[in-house]
Amino acid sequence: MKLSIKDVSCASKLVLVRCDLNVPLDNDGKITDDTRIRASIPTIQHLKSLSPKGIFLCSHLGRPKDGPDPKLSLSPVAERLSALLNEPVVLVSDCIGEPVTQAVSECDTTKIFLLENTRFYKEESKNDPDFASKVSRERGAKRCLDRGAALGKATARVTLYLTYFPLASLAARLPF
């Protein structure tokens, strides 16, 4: 059973949104095409209208070879999202662990957070259940897949996160 984003209540909940924010960058780290970022805006705005406690976006950018690569940070994406949404999008320095726990603790009002590149961990591309559990358990009970080209791929960020969320709390694939 596929649920729509309209089928899930997010009031006062933490929400994890898997977005396709893998955009091209030039040699200076500037975004050359923000189409994928713009495509996520309706999802984020709709979720924001539901008064969640906080919205956590996760994505990958490029194909880092051996762990974190500053050239593939989601920092330019966070800046572009902030400009398009006309509000701050806080880049969390990791997608698991203490930085995320700290961000969750700061959710006393609706805020938007972008977790750092999930591909900084090789486990993400390998569809590793332990990695998916770490990303998922840091948040709350709501999970949303934003529509995008990467949804058909078997990566932890797309398929295994679903394991850690009850079906009744899943909203999938916009447009709604």
N, C-alpha and C. Protein backbone atom coordinates (compact mmCIF):
# COMPACT_ATOMS: atom_id res chain seq x y z
N MET A 1 0.84 -1.18 0.00
CA MET A 1 0.00 0.00 0.00
C MET A 1 0.88 1.25 0.00
N LYS A 2 0.74 2.07 -0.99
CA LYS A 2 1.48 3.31 -1.06
C LYS A 2 0.65 4.44 -0.47
N LEU A 3 1.25 5.16 0.41
CA LEU A 3 0.57 6.30 1.00
C LEU A 3 1.10 7.57 0.35
N SER A 4 0.29 8.57 0.35
CA SER A 4 0.68 9.89 -0.13
C SER A 4 1.13 10.72 1.06
N ILE A 5 1.81 11.77 0.77
CA ILE A 5 2.23 12.70 1.81
C ILE A 5 1.00 13.29 2.53
N LYS A 6 -0.12 13.31 1.86
CA LYS A 6 -1.36 13.82 2.46
C LYS A 6 -1.95 12.85 3.49
N ASP A 7 -1.46 11.60 3.51
CA ASP A 7 -2.01 10.58 4.40
C ASP A 7 -1.33 10.53 5.77
N VAL A 8 -0.34 11.36 5.98
CA VAL A 8 0.46 11.26 7.20
C VAL A 8 0.42 12.56 7.99
N SER A 9 0.16 12.43 9.28
CA SER A 9 0.20 13.59 10.16
C SER A 9 1.63 13.78 10.66
N CYS A 10 2.12 14.98 10.53
CA CYS A 10 3.50 15.27 10.96
C CYS A 10 3.56 16.28 12.08
N ALA A 11 2.43 16.71 12.59
CA ALA A 11 2.41 17.74 13.63
C ALA A 11 3.26 17.32 14.82
N SER A 12 4.18 18.18 15.19
CA SER A 12 5.07 17.98 16.35
C SER A 12 5.95 16.74 16.24
N LYS A 13 6.17 16.24 15.04
CA LYS A 13 7.02 15.07 14.82
C LYS A 13 8.29 15.49 14.10
N LEU A 14 9.32 14.69 14.26
CA LEU A 14 10.51 14.85 13.45
C LEU A 14 10.28 14.10 12.14
N VAL A 15 10.70 14.69 11.04
CA VAL A 15 10.47 14.09 9.73
C VAL A 15 11.80 13.94 9.00
N LEU A 16 12.04 12.75 8.47
CA LEU A 16 13.21 12.49 7.64
C LEU A 16 12.75 12.40 6.19
N VAL A 17 13.32 13.23 5.33
CA VAL A 17 12.93 13.26 3.91
C VAL A 17 14.14 12.89 3.07
N ARG A 18 13.99 11.82 2.30
CA ARG A 18 15.02 11.42 1.36
C ARG A 18 14.79 12.21 0.08
N CYS A 19 15.70 13.11 -0.24
CA CYS A 19 15.58 13.95 -1.43
C CYS A 19 16.67 13.59 -2.44
N ASP A 20 16.41 13.87 -3.69
CA ASP A 20 17.42 13.73 -4.73
C ASP A 20 18.02 15.10 -4.97
N LEU A 21 19.09 15.40 -4.24
CA LEU A 21 19.75 16.70 -4.33
C LEU A 21 21.14 16.56 -4.96
N ASN A 22 21.33 15.52 -5.73
CA ASN A 22 22.61 15.26 -6.39
C ASN A 22 22.70 16.15 -7.63
N VAL A 23 23.21 17.35 -7.43
CA VAL A 23 23.26 18.36 -8.50
C VAL A 23 24.68 18.52 -9.02
N PRO A 24 24.81 18.96 -10.27
CA PRO A 24 26.15 19.17 -10.81
C PRO A 24 26.80 20.43 -10.23
N LEU A 25 28.10 20.31 -9.98
CA LEU A 25 28.90 21.43 -9.47
C LEU A 25 30.02 21.73 -10.46
N ASP A 26 30.40 22.99 -10.56
CA ASP A 26 31.56 23.33 -11.39
C ASP A 26 32.84 23.16 -10.58
N ASN A 27 33.97 23.50 -11.16
CA ASN A 27 35.26 23.31 -10.48
C ASN A 27 35.41 24.16 -9.23
N ASP A 28 34.60 25.20 -9.10
CA ASP A 28 34.65 26.06 -7.92
C ASP A 28 33.61 25.67 -6.88
N GLY A 29 32.92 24.55 -7.09
CA GLY A 29 31.91 24.09 -6.14
C GLY A 29 30.59 24.82 -6.23
N LYS A 30 30.35 25.52 -7.34
CA LYS A 30 29.09 26.24 -7.55
C LYS A 30 28.11 25.33 -8.29
N ILE A 31 26.86 25.39 -7.89
CA ILE A 31 25.81 24.59 -8.53
C ILE A 31 25.56 25.13 -9.94
N THR A 32 25.59 24.23 -10.93
CA THR A 32 25.37 24.65 -12.31
C THR A 32 23.94 24.39 -12.79
N ASP A 33 23.21 23.55 -12.09
CA ASP A 33 21.81 23.26 -12.44
C ASP A 33 21.08 22.87 -11.16
N ASP A 34 20.14 23.70 -10.72
CA ASP A 34 19.44 23.44 -9.45
C ASP A 34 18.07 22.80 -9.64
N THR A 35 17.84 22.17 -10.78
CA THR A 35 16.53 21.57 -11.07
C THR A 35 16.10 20.59 -9.99
N ARG A 36 16.99 19.73 -9.54
CA ARG A 36 16.63 18.73 -8.52
C ARG A 36 16.32 19.38 -7.18
N ILE A 37 17.03 20.44 -6.87
CA ILE A 37 16.75 21.16 -5.62
C ILE A 37 15.36 21.78 -5.71
N ARG A 38 15.08 22.45 -6.81
CA ARG A 38 13.76 23.07 -7.01
C ARG A 38 12.64 22.04 -6.96
N ALA A 39 12.90 20.84 -7.45
CA ALA A 39 11.88 19.80 -7.45
C ALA A 39 11.51 19.35 -6.03
N SER A 40 12.40 19.53 -5.07
CA SER A 40 12.12 19.14 -3.68
C SER A 40 11.37 20.21 -2.89
N ILE A 41 11.35 21.42 -3.40
CA ILE A 41 10.73 22.53 -2.66
C ILE A 41 9.26 22.29 -2.31
N PRO A 42 8.41 21.81 -3.26
CA PRO A 42 7.01 21.58 -2.88
C PRO A 42 6.84 20.58 -1.72
N THR A 43 7.65 19.54 -1.71
CA THR A 43 7.59 18.56 -0.61
C THR A 43 7.94 19.22 0.71
N ILE A 44 9.03 19.95 0.73
CA ILE A 44 9.48 20.61 1.95
C ILE A 44 8.46 21.63 2.43
N GLN A 45 7.93 22.43 1.52
CA GLN A 45 6.92 23.43 1.89
C GLN A 45 5.66 22.77 2.43
N HIS A 46 5.23 21.69 1.80
CA HIS A 46 4.04 21.00 2.29
C HIS A 46 4.27 20.45 3.70
N LEU A 47 5.40 19.79 3.90
CA LEU A 47 5.70 19.26 5.23
C LEU A 47 5.78 20.38 6.25
N LYS A 48 6.38 21.48 5.89
CA LYS A 48 6.49 22.63 6.79
C LYS A 48 5.09 23.11 7.22
N SER A 49 4.14 23.07 6.28
CA SER A 49 2.78 23.52 6.59
C SER A 49 2.08 22.60 7.59
N LEU A 50 2.60 21.40 7.80
CA LEU A 50 2.00 20.44 8.73
C LEU A 50 2.52 20.60 10.16
N SER A 51 3.34 21.61 10.40
CA SER A 51 3.88 21.94 11.73
C SER A 51 4.67 20.80 12.38
N PRO A 52 5.65 20.26 11.67
CA PRO A 52 6.48 19.24 12.31
C PRO A 52 7.40 19.88 13.33
N LYS A 53 7.97 19.07 14.18
CA LYS A 53 8.95 19.57 15.14
C LYS A 53 10.23 19.96 14.41
N GLY A 54 10.59 19.21 13.40
CA GLY A 54 11.76 19.50 12.59
C GLY A 54 11.75 18.66 11.34
N ILE A 55 12.38 19.16 10.29
CA ILE A 55 12.48 18.44 9.02
C ILE A 55 13.96 18.18 8.76
N PHE A 56 14.30 16.91 8.56
CA PHE A 56 15.65 16.51 8.25
C PHE A 56 15.69 15.98 6.82
N LEU A 57 16.49 16.62 5.98
CA LEU A 57 16.64 16.21 4.59
C LEU A 57 17.92 15.39 4.48
N CYS A 58 17.90 14.33 3.70
CA CYS A 58 19.13 13.59 3.45
C CYS A 58 19.25 13.30 1.96
N SER A 59 20.48 13.27 1.50
CA SER A 59 20.77 13.04 0.09
C SER A 59 22.24 12.68 -0.04
N HIS A 60 22.62 12.37 -1.26
CA HIS A 60 24.04 12.22 -1.56
C HIS A 60 24.40 13.25 -2.60
N LEU A 61 25.69 13.43 -2.78
CA LEU A 61 26.20 14.33 -3.81
C LEU A 61 27.46 13.71 -4.37
N GLY A 62 27.44 13.38 -5.65
CA GLY A 62 28.60 12.80 -6.30
C GLY A 62 28.92 11.41 -5.80
N ARG A 63 30.17 11.02 -6.04
CA ARG A 63 30.64 9.69 -5.65
C ARG A 63 31.98 9.78 -4.92
N PRO A 64 31.94 10.14 -3.65
CA PRO A 64 33.19 10.22 -2.89
C PRO A 64 33.89 8.85 -2.90
N LYS A 65 35.19 8.87 -3.02
CA LYS A 65 35.95 7.62 -3.11
C LYS A 65 36.25 7.01 -1.73
N ASP A 66 36.83 7.81 -0.86
CA ASP A 66 37.29 7.28 0.43
C ASP A 66 36.84 8.14 1.59
N GLY A 67 35.56 8.19 1.83
CA GLY A 67 35.06 8.96 2.95
C GLY A 67 34.79 10.41 2.59
N PRO A 68 34.69 11.26 3.61
CA PRO A 68 34.33 12.66 3.38
C PRO A 68 35.30 13.37 2.42
N ASP A 69 34.72 14.15 1.53
CA ASP A 69 35.47 14.95 0.56
C ASP A 69 34.85 16.34 0.57
N PRO A 70 35.58 17.34 1.03
CA PRO A 70 35.01 18.69 1.12
C PRO A 70 34.43 19.20 -0.21
N LYS A 71 34.96 18.71 -1.32
CA LYS A 71 34.45 19.13 -2.63
C LYS A 71 33.05 18.59 -2.90
N LEU A 72 32.65 17.56 -2.14
CA LEU A 72 31.33 16.95 -2.32
C LEU A 72 30.42 17.18 -1.11
N SER A 73 30.72 18.19 -0.34
CA SER A 73 29.84 18.57 0.77
C SER A 73 28.52 19.10 0.21
N LEU A 74 27.48 18.92 0.97
CA LEU A 74 26.16 19.46 0.59
C LEU A 74 26.00 20.93 0.98
N SER A 75 27.07 21.57 1.40
CA SER A 75 27.01 22.97 1.80
C SER A 75 26.41 23.88 0.72
N PRO A 76 26.83 23.79 -0.56
CA PRO A 76 26.21 24.65 -1.57
C PRO A 76 24.71 24.36 -1.75
N VAL A 77 24.33 23.12 -1.53
CA VAL A 77 22.91 22.74 -1.64
C VAL A 77 22.12 23.38 -0.50
N ALA A 78 22.68 23.35 0.71
CA ALA A 78 22.00 23.99 1.85
C ALA A 78 21.82 25.48 1.60
N GLU A 79 22.84 26.12 1.05
CA GLU A 79 22.73 27.55 0.73
C GLU A 79 21.64 27.80 -0.31
N ARG A 80 21.59 26.97 -1.33
CA ARG A 80 20.57 27.16 -2.39
C ARG A 80 19.17 26.89 -1.84
N LEU A 81 19.03 25.85 -1.03
CA LEU A 81 17.73 25.57 -0.41
C LEU A 81 17.28 26.75 0.45
N SER A 82 18.19 27.32 1.22
CA SER A 82 17.88 28.48 2.06
C SER A 82 17.35 29.62 1.21
N ALA A 83 18.00 29.87 0.09
CA ALA A 83 17.58 30.96 -0.79
C ALA A 83 16.20 30.68 -1.40
N LEU A 84 15.98 29.45 -1.84
CA LEU A 84 14.69 29.10 -2.47
C LEU A 84 13.54 29.08 -1.47
N LEU A 85 13.82 28.65 -0.25
CA LEU A 85 12.78 28.57 0.79
C LEU A 85 12.63 29.89 1.56
N ASN A 86 13.59 30.78 1.38
CA ASN A 86 13.61 32.05 2.07
C ASN A 86 13.62 31.87 3.60
N GLU A 87 14.39 30.88 4.02
CA GLU A 87 14.59 30.63 5.45
C GLU A 87 15.84 29.78 5.62
N PRO A 88 16.42 29.80 6.80
CA PRO A 88 17.66 29.03 7.00
C PRO A 88 17.45 27.53 6.86
N VAL A 89 18.39 26.89 6.19
CA VAL A 89 18.50 25.43 6.17
C VAL A 89 19.85 25.13 6.81
N VAL A 90 19.81 24.45 7.94
CA VAL A 90 21.01 24.19 8.71
C VAL A 90 21.70 22.94 8.19
N LEU A 91 22.95 23.07 7.76
CA LEU A 91 23.72 21.90 7.34
C LEU A 91 24.29 21.23 8.58
N VAL A 92 23.94 19.97 8.77
CA VAL A 92 24.46 19.18 9.88
C VAL A 92 25.75 18.53 9.38
N SER A 93 26.81 18.57 10.16
CA SER A 93 28.14 18.16 9.71
C SER A 93 28.30 16.66 9.45
N ASP A 94 27.29 15.87 9.72
CA ASP A 94 27.33 14.43 9.45
C ASP A 94 25.90 13.96 9.23
N CYS A 95 25.73 12.72 8.83
CA CYS A 95 24.37 12.19 8.66
C CYS A 95 24.02 11.19 9.75
N ILE A 96 24.97 10.89 10.61
CA ILE A 96 24.75 10.00 11.75
C ILE A 96 25.54 10.54 12.95
N GLY A 97 25.26 10.00 14.11
CA GLY A 97 26.07 10.29 15.28
C GLY A 97 25.72 11.57 16.02
N GLU A 98 26.69 12.06 16.78
CA GLU A 98 26.51 13.19 17.68
C GLU A 98 26.02 14.47 16.99
N PRO A 99 26.53 14.83 15.80
CA PRO A 99 26.02 16.04 15.17
C PRO A 99 24.51 15.99 14.91
N VAL A 100 24.02 14.81 14.58
CA VAL A 100 22.58 14.67 14.32
C VAL A 100 21.81 14.69 15.64
N THR A 101 22.33 14.02 16.64
CA THR A 101 21.70 14.04 17.96
C THR A 101 21.58 15.47 18.47
N GLN A 102 22.63 16.26 18.27
CA GLN A 102 22.62 17.67 18.68
C GLN A 102 21.55 18.44 17.90
N ALA A 103 21.46 18.22 16.60
CA ALA A 103 20.45 18.91 15.79
C ALA A 103 19.04 18.54 16.25
N VAL A 104 18.82 17.27 16.55
CA VAL A 104 17.50 16.83 17.04
C VAL A 104 17.16 17.56 18.33
N SER A 105 18.14 17.73 19.19
CA SER A 105 17.88 18.41 20.47
C SER A 105 17.55 19.88 20.29
N GLU A 106 17.89 20.45 19.16
CA GLU A 106 17.60 21.86 18.87
C GLU A 106 16.24 22.07 18.22
N CYS A 107 15.47 21.03 18.08
CA CYS A 107 14.18 21.12 17.39
C CYS A 107 13.06 21.52 18.34
N ASP A 108 13.12 22.70 18.90
CA ASP A 108 12.01 23.15 19.74
C ASP A 108 10.99 23.92 18.91
N THR A 109 11.34 24.29 17.71
CA THR A 109 10.42 24.89 16.75
C THR A 109 10.70 24.26 15.41
N THR A 110 9.84 24.47 14.45
CA THR A 110 10.05 23.90 13.12
C THR A 110 11.32 24.46 12.52
N LYS A 111 12.25 23.57 12.25
CA LYS A 111 13.49 23.92 11.59
C LYS A 111 13.73 22.94 10.46
N ILE A 112 14.55 23.37 9.50
CA ILE A 112 14.92 22.49 8.40
C ILE A 112 16.42 22.24 8.49
N PHE A 113 16.77 20.97 8.49
CA PHE A 113 18.16 20.55 8.56
C PHE A 113 18.49 19.73 7.32
N LEU A 114 19.69 19.90 6.80
CA LEU A 114 20.19 19.06 5.72
C LEU A 114 21.36 18.27 6.28
N LEU A 115 21.20 16.94 6.30
CA LEU A 115 22.27 16.08 6.78
C LEU A 115 23.38 16.04 5.74
N GLU A 116 24.62 15.96 6.19
CA GLU A 116 25.74 15.91 5.26
C GLU A 116 25.66 14.66 4.38
N ASN A 117 26.35 14.69 3.29
CA ASN A 117 26.36 13.68 2.24
C ASN A 117 26.39 12.25 2.78
N THR A 118 25.33 11.49 2.51
CA THR A 118 25.26 10.11 2.98
C THR A 118 26.31 9.22 2.33
N ARG A 119 26.78 9.60 1.16
CA ARG A 119 27.79 8.80 0.46
C ARG A 119 29.19 8.97 1.05
N PHE A 120 29.32 9.81 2.06
CA PHE A 120 30.60 9.87 2.76
C PHE A 120 30.85 8.56 3.50
N TYR A 121 29.82 7.73 3.58
CA TYR A 121 29.92 6.40 4.17
C TYR A 121 29.71 5.37 3.07
N LYS A 122 30.69 4.51 2.86
CA LYS A 122 30.57 3.49 1.82
C LYS A 122 29.39 2.56 2.07
N GLU A 123 28.98 2.44 3.33
CA GLU A 123 27.85 1.57 3.68
C GLU A 123 26.55 2.03 3.02
N GLU A 124 26.45 3.32 2.70
CA GLU A 124 25.22 3.83 2.09
C GLU A 124 25.00 3.20 0.72
N SER A 125 26.01 3.17 -0.11
CA SER A 125 25.88 2.59 -1.45
C SER A 125 25.75 1.08 -1.42
N LYS A 126 26.22 0.46 -0.33
CA LYS A 126 26.17 -0.99 -0.21
C LYS A 126 24.86 -1.48 0.40
N ASN A 127 23.93 -0.56 0.66
CA ASN A 127 22.63 -0.93 1.22
C ASN A 127 22.78 -1.63 2.57
N ASP A 128 23.64 -1.10 3.41
CA ASP A 128 23.99 -1.69 4.69
C ASP A 128 22.90 -1.42 5.73
N PRO A 129 22.33 -2.48 6.32
CA PRO A 129 21.24 -2.29 7.29
C PRO A 129 21.67 -1.56 8.56
N ASP A 130 22.90 -1.77 9.02
CA ASP A 130 23.36 -1.08 10.23
C ASP A 130 23.45 0.43 9.99
N PHE A 131 23.94 0.81 8.82
CA PHE A 131 24.03 2.23 8.47
C PHE A 131 22.63 2.83 8.38
N ALA A 132 21.72 2.14 7.70
CA ALA A 132 20.34 2.64 7.57
C ALA A 132 19.70 2.81 8.94
N SER A 133 19.97 1.88 9.84
CA SER A 133 19.43 1.97 11.19
C SER A 133 19.96 3.21 11.91
N LYS A 134 21.25 3.49 11.74
CA LYS A 134 21.85 4.66 12.39
C LYS A 134 21.22 5.95 11.88
N VAL A 135 21.02 6.05 10.59
CA VAL A 135 20.42 7.26 10.03
C VAL A 135 18.98 7.40 10.49
N SER A 136 18.25 6.32 10.45
CA SER A 136 16.82 6.35 10.77
C SER A 136 16.54 6.60 12.24
N ARG A 137 17.26 5.95 13.12
CA ARG A 137 16.92 6.04 14.55
C ARG A 137 17.25 7.40 15.14
N GLU A 138 18.07 8.17 14.45
CA GLU A 138 18.41 9.49 14.97
C GLU A 138 17.23 10.45 14.88
N ARG A 139 16.24 10.16 14.07
CA ARG A 139 15.13 11.06 13.83
C ARG A 139 13.90 10.68 14.62
N GLY A 140 12.77 10.85 14.04
CA GLY A 140 11.52 10.52 14.70
C GLY A 140 10.80 9.44 13.95
N ALA A 141 9.50 9.48 13.98
CA ALA A 141 8.71 8.39 13.44
C ALA A 141 8.20 8.62 12.02
N LYS A 142 8.52 9.71 11.42
CA LYS A 142 7.98 9.98 10.10
C LYS A 142 9.07 9.93 9.04
N ARG A 143 8.74 9.42 7.88
CA ARG A 143 9.70 9.24 6.80
C ARG A 143 9.01 9.57 5.49
N CYS A 144 9.65 10.31 4.64
CA CYS A 144 9.07 10.68 3.36
C CYS A 144 10.11 10.50 2.27
N LEU A 145 9.71 9.88 1.16
CA LEU A 145 10.55 9.81 -0.02
C LEU A 145 10.08 10.88 -0.98
N ASP A 146 10.94 11.82 -1.29
CA ASP A 146 10.59 12.80 -2.30
C ASP A 146 10.81 12.16 -3.66
N ARG A 147 10.00 12.51 -4.60
CA ARG A 147 10.10 11.94 -5.93
C ARG A 147 11.43 12.35 -6.55
N GLY A 148 12.10 11.41 -7.20
CA GLY A 148 13.37 11.73 -7.84
C GLY A 148 13.94 10.53 -8.55
N ALA A 149 14.94 10.78 -9.36
CA ALA A 149 15.53 9.76 -10.21
C ALA A 149 16.13 8.61 -9.42
N ALA A 150 16.62 8.86 -8.22
CA ALA A 150 17.33 7.84 -7.46
C ALA A 150 16.42 6.91 -6.68
N LEU A 151 15.11 7.10 -6.73
CA LEU A 151 14.22 6.28 -5.91
C LEU A 151 14.22 4.81 -6.29
N GLY A 152 14.55 4.51 -7.52
CA GLY A 152 14.53 3.12 -7.95
C GLY A 152 15.78 2.34 -7.59
N LYS A 153 16.75 2.98 -6.99
CA LYS A 153 18.01 2.32 -6.70
C LYS A 153 18.00 1.72 -5.31
N ALA A 154 18.65 0.57 -5.16
CA ALA A 154 18.71 -0.11 -3.87
C ALA A 154 19.89 0.41 -3.07
N THR A 155 19.69 1.53 -2.40
CA THR A 155 20.70 2.05 -1.49
C THR A 155 20.05 2.16 -0.12
N ALA A 156 20.87 2.21 0.91
CA ALA A 156 20.34 2.30 2.27
C ALA A 156 19.41 3.48 2.42
N ARG A 157 19.76 4.60 1.80
CA ARG A 157 19.00 5.83 1.92
C ARG A 157 17.61 5.68 1.31
N VAL A 158 17.44 4.78 0.35
CA VAL A 158 16.14 4.63 -0.32
C VAL A 158 15.36 3.45 0.22
N THR A 159 15.97 2.27 0.28
CA THR A 159 15.19 1.08 0.61
C THR A 159 15.23 0.69 2.08
N LEU A 160 16.39 0.67 2.69
CA LEU A 160 16.48 0.15 4.05
C LEU A 160 15.92 1.08 5.10
N TYR A 161 15.92 2.40 4.88
CA TYR A 161 15.34 3.30 5.88
C TYR A 161 13.89 2.91 6.15
N LEU A 162 13.24 2.42 5.12
CA LEU A 162 11.83 2.06 5.26
C LEU A 162 11.62 0.98 6.31
N THR A 163 12.62 0.13 6.50
CA THR A 163 12.55 -0.93 7.49
C THR A 163 12.33 -0.37 8.89
N TYR A 164 12.84 0.82 9.14
CA TYR A 164 12.84 1.38 10.48
C TYR A 164 11.67 2.32 10.74
N PHE A 165 10.72 2.36 9.83
CA PHE A 165 9.54 3.20 9.99
C PHE A 165 8.30 2.36 9.76
N PRO A 166 7.31 2.44 10.65
CA PRO A 166 6.08 1.69 10.43
C PRO A 166 5.36 2.19 9.18
N LEU A 167 4.70 1.27 8.50
CA LEU A 167 4.02 1.61 7.25
C LEU A 167 3.06 2.78 7.43
N ALA A 168 2.39 2.82 8.55
CA ALA A 168 1.42 3.89 8.78
C ALA A 168 2.06 5.28 8.84
N SER A 169 3.37 5.33 9.01
CA SER A 169 4.00 6.64 9.11
C SER A 169 4.77 7.01 7.84
N LEU A 170 4.61 6.24 6.79
CA LEU A 170 5.36 6.47 5.57
C LEU A 170 4.56 7.28 4.56
N ALA A 171 5.17 8.35 4.09
CA ALA A 171 4.58 9.09 2.98
C ALA A 171 5.53 8.93 1.80
N ALA A 172 4.99 8.65 0.65
CA ALA A 172 5.87 8.35 -0.47
C ALA A 172 5.51 9.12 -1.73
N ARG A 173 6.49 9.46 -2.46
CA ARG A 173 6.47 9.92 -3.83
C ARG A 173 5.47 10.99 -4.19
N LEU A 174 5.95 12.19 -4.11
CA LEU A 174 5.16 13.30 -4.62
C LEU A 174 5.25 13.27 -6.14
N PRO A 175 4.42 13.94 -6.90
CA PRO A 175 3.49 14.95 -6.44
C PRO A 175 2.30 14.35 -5.72
N PHE A 176 1.70 15.16 -4.89
CA PHE A 176 0.57 14.70 -4.10
C PHE A 176 -0.68 15.22 -4.73
